[in-house]
Amino acid sequence: MNKLGILEGILFVVGDEGISLNSLCEIMNINLEEAKELLLKLKSNYESADRGIRISYLGDAFKLTTKEEHKEYYQKLVENPETNTLSPSALEVLAIIAYNQPITRIEIDEMRGVSSTYIIRRLVAKGLIKEAGKSKLPGRPNLYRTTREFLDCLGLASINELPELQEEKIDDGEKELFSSMYKEENNEMGV
């Protein structure tokens, strides 16, 4: 079992939330010393000049972050008109945040049924959402809310000007479960 690979995958999956040392030990079923050793080893791998990410310890959690020295390229990516469009998934996440803020990534994921980590990172980078503190839920996940830039893009003075959500009524046309849509025909024997 490649524990460094597992650790790297865990750090990728937790995204902006990061992970505490204790949670890492629990998930990987290792002790504190082994967790620290693995983190240091992976961190030293990322420190080489040909790597674009590193492991940072921020807000009592370990997380993958980009290197400061590459900031100008990330800035160009965010400002590039070709990368400035929002996918339907990004619009969905943005709407969920706008109508339910402040909200955690986990709550967004539950509503969507899929992970939103990458999309949230993109929306933060575009300045449409921001971290708005920590939730009181276990693990104290980040809370997200929309920004002034979001309101500017939509031409709104405040979040209260968002259109009302209308509930969609689904009419299944109640059907009898035990009756067949096919009529039975009497066979030749009259049965």
C-alpha atoms as a PDB file:
ATOM      1  CA  MET A   1       0.000   0.000   0.000  1.00  0.00           C
ATOM      2  CA  ASN A   2       1.441   3.368  -1.077  1.00  0.00           C
ATOM      3  CA  LYS A   3       0.732   5.607   1.919  1.00  0.00           C
ATOM      4  CA  LEU A   4       2.240   8.688   0.225  1.00  0.00           C
ATOM      5  CA  GLY A   5      -0.157   8.258  -2.677  1.00  0.00           C
ATOM      6  CA  ILE A   6      -3.087   7.833  -0.300  1.00  0.00           C
ATOM      7  CA  LEU A   7      -2.058  10.950   1.621  1.00  0.00           C
ATOM      8  CA  GLU A   8      -1.764  12.954  -1.598  1.00  0.00           C
ATOM      9  CA  GLY A   9      -5.214  11.784  -2.713  1.00  0.00           C
ATOM     10  CA  ILE A  10      -6.752  12.690   0.642  1.00  0.00           C
ATOM     11  CA  LEU A  11      -5.231  16.175   0.496  1.00  0.00           C
ATOM     12  CA  PHE A  12      -6.622  16.608  -3.015  1.00  0.00           C
ATOM     13  CA  VAL A  13     -10.116  15.428  -2.057  1.00  0.00           C
ATOM     14  CA  VAL A  14     -10.430  17.643   1.042  1.00  0.00           C
ATOM     15  CA  GLY A  15      -9.488  20.683  -1.068  1.00  0.00           C
ATOM     16  CA  ASP A  16      -9.853  24.078   0.588  1.00  0.00           C
ATOM     17  CA  GLU A  17     -11.204  22.568   3.781  1.00  0.00           C
ATOM     18  CA  GLY A  18      -7.909  20.842   4.536  1.00  0.00           C
ATOM     19  CA  ILE A  19      -7.539  18.074   7.092  1.00  0.00           C
ATOM     20  CA  SER A  20      -6.330  17.978  10.673  1.00  0.00           C
ATOM     21  CA  LEU A  21      -3.528  15.699  11.782  1.00  0.00           C
ATOM     22  CA  ASN A  22      -5.927  13.737  14.022  1.00  0.00           C
ATOM     23  CA  SER A  23      -8.411  13.187  11.181  1.00  0.00           C
ATOM     24  CA  LEU A  24      -5.585  12.070   8.918  1.00  0.00           C
ATOM     25  CA  CYS A  25      -4.470   9.517  11.515  1.00  0.00           C
ATOM     26  CA  GLU A  26      -8.022   8.231  11.875  1.00  0.00           C
ATOM     27  CA  ILE A  27      -8.661   7.914   8.136  1.00  0.00           C
ATOM     28  CA  MET A  28      -5.318   6.309   7.304  1.00  0.00           C
ATOM     29  CA  ASN A  29      -5.309   4.200  10.472  1.00  0.00           C
ATOM     30  CA  ILE A  30      -1.811   5.377  11.421  1.00  0.00           C
ATOM     31  CA  ASN A  31      -0.283   6.969  14.518  1.00  0.00           C
ATOM     32  CA  LEU A  32       0.656  10.639  14.926  1.00  0.00           C
ATOM     33  CA  GLU A  33       4.369  10.104  14.295  1.00  0.00           C
ATOM     34  CA  GLU A  34       3.777   8.197  11.062  1.00  0.00           C
ATOM     35  CA  ALA A  35       1.350  10.885   9.856  1.00  0.00           C
ATOM     36  CA  LYS A  36       3.914  13.621  10.534  1.00  0.00           C
ATOM     37  CA  GLU A  37       6.635  11.610   8.787  1.00  0.00           C
ATOM     38  CA  LEU A  38       4.447  11.062   5.693  1.00  0.00           C
ATOM     39  CA  LEU A  39       3.470  14.753   5.573  1.00  0.00           C
ATOM     40  CA  LEU A  40       7.110  15.850   5.797  1.00  0.00           C
ATOM     41  CA  LYS A  41       8.159  13.388   3.090  1.00  0.00           C
ATOM     42  CA  LEU A  42       5.386  14.477   0.705  1.00  0.00           C
ATOM     43  CA  LYS A  43       6.063  18.127   1.529  1.00  0.00           C
ATOM     44  CA  SER A  44       9.736  17.730   0.609  1.00  0.00           C
ATOM     45  CA  ASN A  45       8.710  16.096  -2.704  1.00  0.00           C
ATOM     46  CA  TYR A  46       6.611  19.157  -3.521  1.00  0.00           C
ATOM     47  CA  GLU A  47       9.395  21.594  -2.671  1.00  0.00           C
ATOM     48  CA  SER A  48      11.363  20.836  -5.813  1.00  0.00           C
ATOM     49  CA  ALA A  49      11.358  23.636  -8.403  1.00  0.00           C
ATOM     50  CA  ASP A  50       9.524  21.547 -10.995  1.00  0.00           C
ATOM     51  CA  ARG A  51       6.393  21.157  -8.835  1.00  0.00           C
ATOM     52  CA  GLY A  52       3.496  23.626  -8.881  1.00  0.00           C
ATOM     53  CA  ILE A  53       1.865  22.825  -5.558  1.00  0.00           C
ATOM     54  CA  ARG A  54       2.936  22.460  -1.965  1.00  0.00           C
ATOM     55  CA  ILE A  55       1.514  21.350   1.360  1.00  0.00           C
ATOM     56  CA  SER A  56       0.561  24.224   3.635  1.00  0.00           C
ATOM     57  CA  TYR A  57      -0.627  24.261   7.221  1.00  0.00           C
ATOM     58  CA  LEU A  58      -3.374  26.882   7.409  1.00  0.00           C
ATOM     59  CA  GLY A  59      -6.182  27.233   9.929  1.00  0.00           C
ATOM     60  CA  ASP A  60      -5.249  24.081  11.875  1.00  0.00           C
ATOM     61  CA  ALA A  61      -5.427  21.985   8.698  1.00  0.00           C
ATOM     62  CA  PHE A  62      -3.074  20.613   6.087  1.00  0.00           C
ATOM     63  CA  LYS A  63      -4.002  21.382   2.494  1.00  0.00           C
ATOM     64  CA  LEU A  64      -2.565  21.541  -0.999  1.00  0.00           C
ATOM     65  CA  THR A  65      -1.881  25.087  -2.176  1.00  0.00           C
ATOM     66  CA  THR A  66      -0.225  26.651  -5.199  1.00  0.00           C
ATOM     67  CA  LYS A  67       3.239  28.155  -4.983  1.00  0.00           C
ATOM     68  CA  GLU A  68       3.423  31.908  -4.476  1.00  0.00           C
ATOM     69  CA  GLU A  69       6.160  32.254  -7.096  1.00  0.00           C
ATOM     70  CA  HIS A  70       3.729  31.144  -9.829  1.00  0.00           C
ATOM     71  CA  LYS A  71       1.058  33.652  -8.841  1.00  0.00           C
ATOM     72  CA  GLU A  72       1.317  35.748 -12.028  1.00  0.00           C
ATOM     73  CA  TYR A  73       0.325  32.746 -14.170  1.00  0.00           C
ATOM     74  CA  TYR A  74      -2.662  31.898 -11.997  1.00  0.00           C
ATOM     75  CA  GLN A  75      -3.715  35.535 -12.215  1.00  0.00           C
ATOM     76  CA  LYS A  76      -3.578  35.377 -16.019  1.00  0.00           C
ATOM     77  CA  LEU A  77      -5.686  32.222 -15.960  1.00  0.00           C
ATOM     78  CA  VAL A  78      -8.364  33.892 -13.865  1.00  0.00           C
ATOM     79  CA  GLU A  79      -8.356  37.051 -15.998  1.00  0.00           C
ATOM     80  CA  ASN A  80      -8.324  35.243 -19.367  1.00  0.00           C
ATOM     81  CA  PRO A  81     -11.664  35.831 -21.169  1.00  0.00           C
ATOM     82  CA  GLU A  82     -11.613  32.260 -22.520  1.00  0.00           C
ATOM     83  CA  THR A  83     -11.528  30.846 -18.991  1.00  0.00           C
ATOM     84  CA  ASN A  84     -13.946  33.427 -17.606  1.00  0.00           C
ATOM     85  CA  THR A  85     -17.128  31.664 -18.637  1.00  0.00           C
ATOM     86  CA  LEU A  86     -19.136  29.715 -16.105  1.00  0.00           C
ATOM     87  CA  SER A  87     -20.143  26.139 -16.751  1.00  0.00           C
ATOM     88  CA  PRO A  88     -23.675  24.970 -15.935  1.00  0.00           C
ATOM     89  CA  SER A  89     -22.202  23.247 -12.850  1.00  0.00           C
ATOM     90  CA  ALA A  90     -20.571  26.489 -11.703  1.00  0.00           C
ATOM     91  CA  LEU A  91     -23.846  28.367 -12.194  1.00  0.00           C
ATOM     92  CA  GLU A  92     -25.627  25.690 -10.159  1.00  0.00           C
ATOM     93  CA  VAL A  93     -23.133  26.012  -7.286  1.00  0.00           C
ATOM     94  CA  LEU A  94     -23.316  29.802  -7.458  1.00  0.00           C
ATOM     95  CA  ALA A  95     -27.132  29.701  -7.260  1.00  0.00           C
ATOM     96  CA  ILE A  96     -27.025  27.285  -4.311  1.00  0.00           C
ATOM     97  CA  ILE A  97     -24.647  29.598  -2.461  1.00  0.00           C
ATOM     98  CA  ALA A  98     -26.616  32.743  -3.345  1.00  0.00           C
ATOM     99  CA  TYR A  99     -29.923  31.346  -2.069  1.00  0.00           C
ATOM    100  CA  ASN A 100     -28.558  29.482   0.972  1.00  0.00           C
ATOM    101  CA  GLN A 101     -25.650  31.596   2.208  1.00  0.00           C
ATOM    102  CA  PRO A 102     -23.693  31.188   4.319  1.00  0.00           C
ATOM    103  CA  ILE A 103     -23.270  27.530   3.402  1.00  0.00           C
ATOM    104  CA  THR A 104     -20.546  24.884   3.668  1.00  0.00           C
ATOM    105  CA  ARG A 105     -19.074  22.922   0.773  1.00  0.00           C
ATOM    106  CA  ILE A 106     -20.437  19.738   2.304  1.00  0.00           C
ATOM    107  CA  GLU A 107     -23.985  21.149   2.297  1.00  0.00           C
ATOM    108  CA  ILE A 108     -23.536  22.183  -1.349  1.00  0.00           C
ATOM    109  CA  ASP A 109     -22.284  18.678  -2.206  1.00  0.00           C
ATOM    110  CA  GLU A 110     -25.320  17.144  -0.492  1.00  0.00           C
ATOM    111  CA  MET A 111     -27.698  19.308  -2.533  1.00  0.00           C
ATOM    112  CA  ARG A 112     -25.921  18.531  -5.801  1.00  0.00           C
ATOM    113  CA  GLY A 113     -25.033  14.910  -5.128  1.00  0.00           C
ATOM    114  CA  VAL A 114     -21.454  15.429  -6.397  1.00  0.00           C
ATOM    115  CA  SER A 115     -18.276  17.094  -5.153  1.00  0.00           C
ATOM    116  CA  SER A 116     -18.062  20.858  -5.637  1.00  0.00           C
ATOM    117  CA  THR A 117     -14.508  21.412  -4.410  1.00  0.00           C
ATOM    118  CA  TYR A 118     -13.005  22.382  -7.781  1.00  0.00           C
ATOM    119  CA  ILE A 119     -15.944  24.610  -8.718  1.00  0.00           C
ATOM    120  CA  ILE A 120     -15.805  26.431  -5.383  1.00  0.00           C
ATOM    121  CA  ARG A 121     -12.077  27.077  -5.898  1.00  0.00           C
ATOM    122  CA  ARG A 122     -12.822  28.548  -9.345  1.00  0.00           C
ATOM    123  CA  LEU A 123     -15.628  30.741  -8.034  1.00  0.00           C
ATOM    124  CA  VAL A 124     -13.380  32.023  -5.214  1.00  0.00           C
ATOM    125  CA  ALA A 125     -10.598  32.709  -7.748  1.00  0.00           C
ATOM    126  CA  LYS A 126     -13.059  34.631  -9.933  1.00  0.00           C
ATOM    127  CA  GLY A 127     -14.114  36.696  -6.915  1.00  0.00           C
ATOM    128  CA  LEU A 128     -17.783  35.632  -7.112  1.00  0.00           C
ATOM    129  CA  ILE A 129     -17.795  33.906  -3.718  1.00  0.00           C
ATOM    130  CA  LYS A 130     -15.632  34.124  -0.605  1.00  0.00           C
ATOM    131  CA  GLU A 131     -15.017  32.353   2.657  1.00  0.00           C
ATOM    132  CA  ALA A 132     -17.267  33.831   5.324  1.00  0.00           C
ATOM    133  CA  GLY A 133     -16.042  32.235   8.512  1.00  0.00           C
ATOM    134  CA  LYS A 134     -16.296  28.766   9.970  1.00  0.00           C
ATOM    135  CA  SER A 135     -19.365  26.650  10.614  1.00  0.00           C
ATOM    136  CA  LYS A 136     -20.099  25.271  14.067  1.00  0.00           C
ATOM    137  CA  LEU A 137     -20.492  21.811  12.518  1.00  0.00           C
ATOM    138  CA  PRO A 138     -17.926  19.134  13.453  1.00  0.00           C
ATOM    139  CA  GLY A 139     -14.604  19.847  11.786  1.00  0.00           C
ATOM    140  CA  ARG A 140     -15.520  23.556  11.539  1.00  0.00           C
ATOM    141  CA  PRO A 141     -15.815  23.651   7.721  1.00  0.00           C
ATOM    142  CA  ASN A 142     -15.576  26.944   5.847  1.00  0.00           C
ATOM    143  CA  LEU A 143     -18.738  28.882   5.136  1.00  0.00           C
ATOM    144  CA  TYR A 144     -19.169  30.483   1.707  1.00  0.00           C
ATOM    145  CA  ARG A 145     -21.158  33.499   0.572  1.00  0.00           C
ATOM    146  CA  THR A 146     -21.401  35.624  -2.538  1.00  0.00           C
ATOM    147  CA  THR A 147     -19.346  38.791  -2.987  1.00  0.00           C
ATOM    148  CA  ARG A 148     -19.966  42.367  -4.074  1.00  0.00           C
ATOM    149  CA  GLU A 149     -18.550  41.339  -7.505  1.00  0.00           C
ATOM    150  CA  PHE A 150     -21.314  38.726  -7.782  1.00  0.00           C
ATOM    151  CA  LEU A 151     -23.929  41.411  -7.168  1.00  0.00           C
ATOM    152  CA  ASP A 152     -22.213  43.737  -9.658  1.00  0.00           C
ATOM    153  CA  CYS A 153     -22.228  41.030 -12.351  1.00  0.00           C
ATOM    154  CA  LEU A 154     -25.969  40.547 -11.894  1.00  0.00           C
ATOM    155  CA  GLY A 155     -26.681  44.272 -11.534  1.00  0.00           C
ATOM    156  CA  LEU A 156     -28.150  43.840  -8.048  1.00  0.00           C
ATOM    157  CA  ALA A 157     -27.885  46.252  -5.123  1.00  0.00           C
ATOM    158  CA  SER A 158     -28.269  43.471  -2.555  1.00  0.00           C
ATOM    159  CA  ILE A 159     -28.836  39.754  -2.293  1.00  0.00           C
ATOM    160  CA  ASN A 160     -32.479  40.495  -1.404  1.00  0.00           C
ATOM    161  CA  GLU A 161     -33.061  41.472  -5.051  1.00  0.00           C
ATOM    162  CA  LEU A 162     -32.536  37.902  -6.256  1.00  0.00           C
ATOM    163  CA  PRO A 163     -35.692  36.556  -7.892  1.00  0.00           C
ATOM    164  CA  GLU A 164     -37.920  34.362  -5.735  1.00  0.00           C
ATOM    165  CA  LEU A 165     -37.444  30.648  -6.223  1.00  0.00           C
ATOM    166  CA  GLN A 166     -40.550  28.953  -7.484  1.00  0.00           C
ATOM    167  CA  GLU A 167     -41.271  25.413  -6.468  1.00  0.00           C
ATOM    168  CA  GLU A 168     -41.730  23.129  -9.411  1.00  0.00           C
ATOM    169  CA  LYS A 169     -44.755  20.904  -8.994  1.00  0.00           C
ATOM    170  CA  ILE A 170     -44.377  17.449 -10.406  1.00  0.00           C
ATOM    171  CA  ASP A 171     -47.599  15.664 -11.259  1.00  0.00           C
ATOM    172  CA  ASP A 172     -46.978  11.978 -11.491  1.00  0.00           C
ATOM    173  CA  GLY A 173     -50.624  11.426 -12.358  1.00  0.00           C
ATOM    174  CA  GLU A 174     -51.417   8.964  -9.619  1.00  0.00           C
ATOM    175  CA  LYS A 175     -51.697   5.505 -11.033  1.00  0.00           C
ATOM    176  CA  GLU A 176     -53.132   2.380  -9.585  1.00  0.00           C
ATOM    177  CA  LEU A 177     -50.271   0.097  -8.789  1.00  0.00           C
ATOM    178  CA  PHE A 178     -52.200  -3.140  -8.940  1.00  0.00           C
ATOM    179  CA  SER A 179     -54.204  -2.714 -12.102  1.00  0.00           C
ATOM    180  CA  SER A 180     -52.742  -3.418 -15.459  1.00  0.00           C
ATOM    181  CA  MET A 181     -53.024  -1.089 -18.394  1.00  0.00           C
ATOM    182  CA  TYR A 182     -53.636  -4.203 -20.474  1.00  0.00           C
ATOM    183  CA  LYS A 183     -57.048  -5.772 -20.337  1.00  0.00           C
ATOM    184  CA  GLU A 184     -57.175  -9.461 -19.932  1.00  0.00           C
ATOM    185  CA  GLU A 185     -59.088 -11.203 -22.660  1.00  0.00           C
ATOM    186  CA  ASN A 186     -60.949 -14.387 -22.079  1.00  0.00           C
ATOM    187  CA  ASN A 187     -59.247 -17.199 -23.854  1.00  0.00           C
ATOM    188  CA  GLU A 188     -61.076 -19.663 -26.059  1.00  0.00           C
ATOM    189  CA  MET A 189     -61.786 -21.958 -23.143  1.00  0.00           C
ATOM    190  CA  GLY A 190     -63.830 -19.282 -21.436  1.00  0.00           C
ATOM    191  CA  VAL A 191     -61.608 -19.099 -18.428  1.00  0.00           C
END
